[in-house]
Amino acid sequence: MSRTIFCTFLQRNALGQDYQLYPGNIGQRIFNEISAEAWRQWMDRQTIIINERKLSMLDIKHRQVIEKEMIAFLFKTRKINITEEYGFRAEES
C-alpha cells in the first residue's frame, strides 16, 4: 500500500512508510511525517554512527544515544522540545 505524505525532512511530498517502524509516540510521528526515502537516509546515517562510535544495540545507553541522534537527524529543521512532547529520556552524564 503506497501513500503520499508531506515529508518534514525532505520538505516535499514523498511516499510514506508502509507501517510504523519505531514504537511509541515518536514512531507515530515518524510514520506520519517522515517518508520512506528519508527513513532510508536515516538508516544509512545510523549505521555510520554505530560503527564509528562502536555502539552496541544490546546496551540501553547506546540505544538512547541512537534515539537522540535519530530525532536530531529526522527533525532537524523544526525546533521542538522532545523531552516534554514525547517523554524522551536524555542520556545521563
N, C-alpha and C. Protein backbone atom coordinates (compact mmCIF):
# COMPACT_ATOMS: atom_id res chain seq x y z
N MET A 1 0.84 -1.16 0.00
CA MET A 1 0.00 0.00 0.00
C MET A 1 0.90 1.24 0.00
N SER A 2 0.78 2.05 -1.01
CA SER A 2 1.59 3.26 -1.04
C SER A 2 0.72 4.46 -0.70
N ARG A 3 1.30 5.33 0.06
CA ARG A 3 0.61 6.55 0.45
C ARG A 3 1.58 7.70 0.34
N THR A 4 1.08 8.85 0.00
CA THR A 4 1.91 10.03 -0.14
C THR A 4 1.70 10.93 1.07
N ILE A 5 2.81 11.41 1.62
CA ILE A 5 2.77 12.32 2.75
C ILE A 5 3.65 13.51 2.45
N PHE A 6 3.49 14.58 3.23
CA PHE A 6 4.45 15.68 3.16
C PHE A 6 5.54 15.34 4.15
N CYS A 7 6.73 15.09 3.63
CA CYS A 7 7.87 14.71 4.47
C CYS A 7 8.51 15.95 5.05
N THR A 8 8.53 16.05 6.38
CA THR A 8 9.12 17.23 7.02
C THR A 8 10.63 17.24 6.91
N PHE A 9 11.24 16.09 6.67
CA PHE A 9 12.69 16.02 6.50
C PHE A 9 13.09 16.52 5.11
N LEU A 10 12.41 16.02 4.09
CA LEU A 10 12.72 16.40 2.71
C LEU A 10 12.04 17.70 2.28
N GLN A 11 11.04 18.13 3.04
CA GLN A 11 10.26 19.33 2.73
C GLN A 11 9.57 19.24 1.38
N ARG A 12 9.02 18.03 1.10
CA ARG A 12 8.25 17.84 -0.13
C ARG A 12 7.38 16.60 0.02
N ASN A 13 6.44 16.43 -0.90
CA ASN A 13 5.61 15.22 -0.91
C ASN A 13 6.46 14.04 -1.35
N ALA A 14 6.27 12.93 -0.66
CA ALA A 14 7.02 11.71 -0.97
C ALA A 14 6.23 10.51 -0.49
N LEU A 15 6.64 9.33 -0.92
CA LEU A 15 5.96 8.11 -0.48
C LEU A 15 6.22 7.87 1.00
N GLY A 16 5.15 7.61 1.72
CA GLY A 16 5.25 7.33 3.14
C GLY A 16 5.66 5.90 3.39
N GLN A 17 5.89 5.58 4.64
CA GLN A 17 6.24 4.22 5.02
C GLN A 17 4.99 3.35 5.02
N ASP A 18 5.18 2.06 4.83
CA ASP A 18 4.05 1.14 4.78
C ASP A 18 3.48 0.84 6.16
N TYR A 19 4.30 0.93 7.17
CA TYR A 19 3.86 0.65 8.54
C TYR A 19 4.78 1.40 9.50
N GLN A 20 4.37 1.49 10.76
CA GLN A 20 5.14 2.20 11.77
C GLN A 20 6.38 1.40 12.11
N LEU A 21 7.55 1.99 11.89
CA LEU A 21 8.82 1.30 12.06
C LEU A 21 9.44 1.48 13.44
N TYR A 22 8.93 2.41 14.21
CA TYR A 22 9.51 2.71 15.52
C TYR A 22 8.37 2.78 16.52
N PRO A 23 8.55 2.29 17.73
CA PRO A 23 7.45 2.24 18.68
C PRO A 23 7.11 3.59 19.32
N GLY A 24 5.95 3.67 19.91
CA GLY A 24 5.56 4.81 20.72
C GLY A 24 5.12 6.03 19.92
N ASN A 25 5.03 7.13 20.65
CA ASN A 25 4.59 8.39 20.04
C ASN A 25 5.59 8.91 19.01
N ILE A 26 6.86 8.72 19.28
CA ILE A 26 7.87 9.14 18.31
C ILE A 26 7.69 8.34 17.01
N GLY A 27 7.46 7.06 17.16
CA GLY A 27 7.22 6.21 15.99
C GLY A 27 6.01 6.64 15.19
N GLN A 28 4.95 7.04 15.89
CA GLN A 28 3.75 7.51 15.20
C GLN A 28 4.04 8.80 14.44
N ARG A 29 4.82 9.66 15.06
CA ARG A 29 5.18 10.91 14.38
C ARG A 29 6.06 10.63 13.16
N ILE A 30 7.00 9.72 13.29
CA ILE A 30 7.84 9.34 12.16
C ILE A 30 6.99 8.78 11.04
N PHE A 31 6.04 7.91 11.38
CA PHE A 31 5.14 7.31 10.38
C PHE A 31 4.35 8.38 9.64
N ASN A 32 3.89 9.40 10.35
CA ASN A 32 3.05 10.43 9.74
C ASN A 32 3.83 11.51 9.01
N GLU A 33 5.08 11.76 9.41
CA GLU A 33 5.81 12.92 8.88
C GLU A 33 7.09 12.60 8.12
N ILE A 34 7.58 11.36 8.19
CA ILE A 34 8.87 11.03 7.57
C ILE A 34 8.64 10.01 6.45
N SER A 35 9.14 10.32 5.27
CA SER A 35 8.95 9.45 4.11
C SER A 35 9.88 8.24 4.17
N ALA A 36 9.59 7.27 3.32
CA ALA A 36 10.42 6.08 3.23
C ALA A 36 11.84 6.45 2.78
N GLU A 37 11.95 7.41 1.89
CA GLU A 37 13.27 7.86 1.41
C GLU A 37 14.08 8.49 2.55
N ALA A 38 13.45 9.34 3.34
CA ALA A 38 14.13 9.97 4.47
C ALA A 38 14.52 8.91 5.51
N TRP A 39 13.65 7.92 5.71
CA TRP A 39 13.97 6.85 6.67
C TRP A 39 15.19 6.06 6.20
N ARG A 40 15.30 5.81 4.90
CA ARG A 40 16.48 5.11 4.36
C ARG A 40 17.74 5.94 4.60
N GLN A 41 17.64 7.25 4.44
CA GLN A 41 18.79 8.12 4.72
C GLN A 41 19.18 8.01 6.19
N TRP A 42 18.18 7.96 7.08
CA TRP A 42 18.48 7.80 8.50
C TRP A 42 19.16 6.45 8.76
N MET A 43 18.68 5.38 8.15
CA MET A 43 19.26 4.06 8.36
C MET A 43 20.73 4.04 7.94
N ASP A 44 21.05 4.72 6.85
CA ASP A 44 22.46 4.83 6.42
C ASP A 44 23.27 5.59 7.46
N ARG A 45 22.73 6.70 7.94
CA ARG A 45 23.41 7.52 8.94
C ARG A 45 23.57 6.74 10.25
N GLN A 46 22.53 6.00 10.63
CA GLN A 46 22.58 5.20 11.86
C GLN A 46 23.70 4.17 11.80
N THR A 47 23.87 3.54 10.67
CA THR A 47 24.94 2.55 10.50
C THR A 47 26.30 3.20 10.71
N ILE A 48 26.47 4.39 10.16
CA ILE A 48 27.74 5.12 10.32
C ILE A 48 27.97 5.43 11.79
N ILE A 49 26.94 5.93 12.47
CA ILE A 49 27.07 6.28 13.90
C ILE A 49 27.44 5.06 14.73
N ILE A 50 26.75 3.96 14.51
CA ILE A 50 27.01 2.73 15.27
C ILE A 50 28.45 2.26 15.05
N ASN A 51 28.88 2.26 13.81
CA ASN A 51 30.23 1.79 13.51
C ASN A 51 31.32 2.73 14.02
N GLU A 52 31.14 4.03 13.81
CA GLU A 52 32.17 4.98 14.23
C GLU A 52 32.31 5.05 15.75
N ARG A 53 31.20 4.96 16.45
CA ARG A 53 31.24 5.07 17.91
C ARG A 53 31.30 3.72 18.61
N LYS A 54 31.31 2.65 17.79
CA LYS A 54 31.37 1.29 18.32
C LYS A 54 30.26 1.03 19.35
N LEU A 55 29.03 1.36 18.94
CA LEU A 55 27.88 1.20 19.81
C LEU A 55 27.32 -0.22 19.72
N SER A 56 26.73 -0.67 20.80
CA SER A 56 26.08 -1.97 20.84
C SER A 56 24.59 -1.76 21.07
N MET A 57 23.77 -2.33 20.22
CA MET A 57 22.33 -2.18 20.38
C MET A 57 21.79 -3.00 21.54
N LEU A 58 22.63 -3.77 22.19
CA LEU A 58 22.24 -4.52 23.38
C LEU A 58 22.32 -3.65 24.63
N ASP A 59 23.05 -2.55 24.54
CA ASP A 59 23.26 -1.64 25.66
C ASP A 59 22.20 -0.53 25.62
N ILE A 60 21.42 -0.40 26.69
CA ILE A 60 20.34 0.59 26.73
C ILE A 60 20.86 2.02 26.55
N LYS A 61 22.02 2.33 27.10
CA LYS A 61 22.58 3.67 26.95
C LYS A 61 22.94 3.95 25.50
N HIS A 62 23.43 2.95 24.82
CA HIS A 62 23.77 3.12 23.40
C HIS A 62 22.50 3.31 22.57
N ARG A 63 21.44 2.59 22.92
CA ARG A 63 20.17 2.76 22.19
C ARG A 63 19.60 4.16 22.43
N GLN A 64 19.79 4.69 23.63
CA GLN A 64 19.34 6.05 23.91
C GLN A 64 20.13 7.07 23.08
N VAL A 65 21.41 6.82 22.90
CA VAL A 65 22.23 7.69 22.06
C VAL A 65 21.70 7.67 20.63
N ILE A 66 21.41 6.49 20.12
CA ILE A 66 20.88 6.36 18.76
C ILE A 66 19.53 7.05 18.63
N GLU A 67 18.67 6.89 19.64
CA GLU A 67 17.36 7.54 19.59
C GLU A 67 17.52 9.06 19.56
N LYS A 68 18.41 9.58 20.37
CA LYS A 68 18.66 11.03 20.39
C LYS A 68 19.17 11.50 19.03
N GLU A 69 20.11 10.76 18.45
CA GLU A 69 20.65 11.10 17.13
C GLU A 69 19.57 11.01 16.05
N MET A 70 18.69 10.01 16.15
CA MET A 70 17.61 9.84 15.17
C MET A 70 16.68 11.05 15.19
N ILE A 71 16.29 11.47 16.38
CA ILE A 71 15.39 12.61 16.50
C ILE A 71 16.05 13.87 15.96
N ALA A 72 17.30 14.07 16.31
CA ALA A 72 18.03 15.25 15.82
C ALA A 72 18.15 15.22 14.30
N PHE A 73 18.40 14.05 13.73
CA PHE A 73 18.57 13.91 12.28
C PHE A 73 17.25 14.13 11.54
N LEU A 74 16.21 13.45 11.96
CA LEU A 74 14.94 13.49 11.23
C LEU A 74 14.17 14.79 11.41
N PHE A 75 14.31 15.42 12.55
CA PHE A 75 13.52 16.62 12.83
C PHE A 75 14.40 17.86 12.99
N LYS A 76 15.52 17.90 12.29
CA LYS A 76 16.50 18.97 12.46
C LYS A 76 15.98 20.34 12.04
N THR A 77 15.03 20.40 11.14
CA THR A 77 14.55 21.69 10.66
C THR A 77 13.50 22.30 11.57
N ARG A 78 13.01 21.53 12.52
CA ARG A 78 11.98 22.02 13.42
C ARG A 78 12.52 22.04 14.84
N LYS A 79 12.30 23.12 15.54
CA LYS A 79 12.73 23.21 16.93
C LYS A 79 11.57 22.75 17.80
N ILE A 80 11.71 21.57 18.37
CA ILE A 80 10.68 21.02 19.25
C ILE A 80 11.33 20.57 20.54
N ASN A 81 10.55 20.50 21.57
CA ASN A 81 11.07 20.02 22.84
C ASN A 81 10.69 18.55 22.97
N ILE A 82 11.60 17.68 22.61
CA ILE A 82 11.36 16.25 22.60
C ILE A 82 11.06 15.74 24.01
N THR A 83 11.73 16.27 25.01
CA THR A 83 11.55 15.80 26.38
C THR A 83 10.11 15.96 26.82
N GLU A 84 9.53 17.11 26.61
CA GLU A 84 8.16 17.35 27.05
C GLU A 84 7.15 16.68 26.15
N GLU A 85 7.36 16.74 24.84
CA GLU A 85 6.36 16.24 23.91
C GLU A 85 6.30 14.72 23.88
N TYR A 86 7.44 14.04 24.04
CA TYR A 86 7.46 12.60 23.88
C TYR A 86 8.00 11.84 25.07
N GLY A 87 8.36 12.53 26.13
CA GLY A 87 8.87 11.84 27.31
C GLY A 87 10.23 11.21 27.06
N PHE A 88 11.02 11.81 26.19
CA PHE A 88 12.35 11.30 25.87
C PHE A 88 13.25 11.36 27.09
N ARG A 89 13.93 10.29 27.38
CA ARG A 89 14.86 10.24 28.50
C ARG A 89 16.24 10.58 27.99
N ALA A 90 16.78 11.68 28.43
CA ALA A 90 18.12 12.08 28.00
C ALA A 90 19.16 11.16 28.63
N GLU A 91 20.24 10.98 27.93
CA GLU A 91 21.33 10.15 28.44
C GLU A 91 21.93 10.81 29.67
N GLU A 92 22.15 10.02 30.70
CA GLU A 92 22.72 10.55 31.93
C GLU A 92 24.22 10.75 31.74
N SER A 93 24.73 11.86 32.28
CA SER A 93 26.16 12.16 32.16
C SER A 93 26.93 11.62 33.33
